[in-house]
Amino acid sequence: MSTAEVEVVEAFTSVGITPERAMAAAAALNKRDALSDVSGVKSDVAVMKWMLGFNIAMTVAVLLKLFVH
């Protein structure tokens, strides 16, 4: 269990929530945070794919111009 999960469990138990429910809530929050991190990486990868595609297209265009001329 990470430090953040321990803090969430302690906060929930201090206000009277059972430890089992507090652990479930901490796990749900951790899962939500992990999913949001993955979506950020996916959008970065999409931009990199476009950049690579543009780079390859320009390289092919330059090579064609060089050798066809």
Protein backbone atom coordinates (compact mmCIF):
# COMPACT_ATOMS: atom_id res chain seq x y z
CA MET A 1 0.00 0.00 0.00
CA SER A 2 1.40 3.37 -1.00
CA THR A 3 1.77 6.37 1.27
CA ALA A 4 -1.18 8.10 -0.36
CA GLU A 5 -3.40 5.07 0.21
CA VAL A 6 -2.37 4.92 3.88
CA GLU A 7 -3.21 8.60 4.29
CA VAL A 8 -6.64 8.11 2.68
CA VAL A 9 -7.39 5.09 4.89
CA GLU A 10 -6.32 7.00 8.01
CA ALA A 11 -8.44 10.01 7.03
CA PHE A 12 -11.53 7.88 6.41
CA THR A 13 -11.12 5.84 9.59
CA SER A 14 -10.67 9.02 11.64
CA VAL A 15 -14.15 10.16 10.61
CA GLY A 16 -15.74 6.83 11.53
CA ILE A 17 -15.70 4.79 8.32
CA THR A 18 -14.83 1.11 8.74
CA PRO A 19 -11.30 0.14 7.73
CA GLU A 20 -12.59 -2.22 5.02
CA ARG A 21 -14.60 0.53 3.33
CA ALA A 22 -11.71 2.96 3.75
CA MET A 23 -9.34 0.52 2.02
CA ALA A 24 -11.82 0.03 -0.82
CA ALA A 25 -12.12 3.78 -1.29
CA ALA A 26 -8.34 4.20 -1.27
CA ALA A 27 -7.98 1.45 -3.89
CA ALA A 28 -10.63 3.10 -6.08
CA LEU A 29 -8.87 6.46 -5.87
CA ASN A 30 -5.53 4.86 -6.72
CA LYS A 31 -7.05 3.07 -9.72
CA ARG A 32 -8.59 6.32 -10.97
CA ASP A 33 -5.24 8.11 -10.69
CA ALA A 34 -3.47 5.32 -12.57
CA LEU A 35 -6.01 5.47 -15.40
CA SER A 36 -5.62 9.22 -15.76
CA ASP A 37 -1.85 8.80 -16.05
CA VAL A 38 -2.27 6.28 -18.86
CA SER A 39 -4.57 8.56 -20.85
CA GLY A 40 -1.95 11.31 -20.74
CA VAL A 41 0.68 8.95 -22.11
CA LYS A 42 -1.67 7.79 -24.87
CA SER A 43 -2.21 11.35 -26.08
CA ASP A 44 1.56 11.96 -26.08
CA VAL A 45 2.11 8.82 -28.14
CA ALA A 46 -0.51 9.96 -30.66
CA VAL A 47 1.35 13.24 -31.19
CA MET A 48 4.63 11.38 -31.60
CA LYS A 49 3.06 9.11 -34.24
CA TRP A 50 1.99 12.14 -36.27
CA MET A 51 5.46 13.66 -35.95
CA LEU A 52 7.11 10.43 -37.10
CA GLY A 53 4.70 10.07 -40.01
CA PHE A 54 5.38 13.63 -41.16
CA ASN A 55 9.13 13.09 -40.84
CA ILE A 56 9.01 9.88 -42.90
CA ALA A 57 6.85 11.52 -45.58
CA MET A 58 9.21 14.48 -45.91
CA THR A 59 12.27 12.18 -46.04
CA VAL A 60 10.69 10.11 -48.81
CA ALA A 61 9.77 13.29 -50.71
CA VAL A 62 13.34 14.60 -50.49
CA LEU A 63 14.82 11.25 -51.58
CA LEU A 64 12.40 11.00 -54.51
CA LYS A 65 13.24 14.53 -55.60
CA LEU A 66 16.94 13.75 -55.31
CA PHE A 67 16.94 10.54 -57.31
CA VAL A 68 14.16 11.24 -59.83
CA HIS A 69 15.60 14.56 -60.88
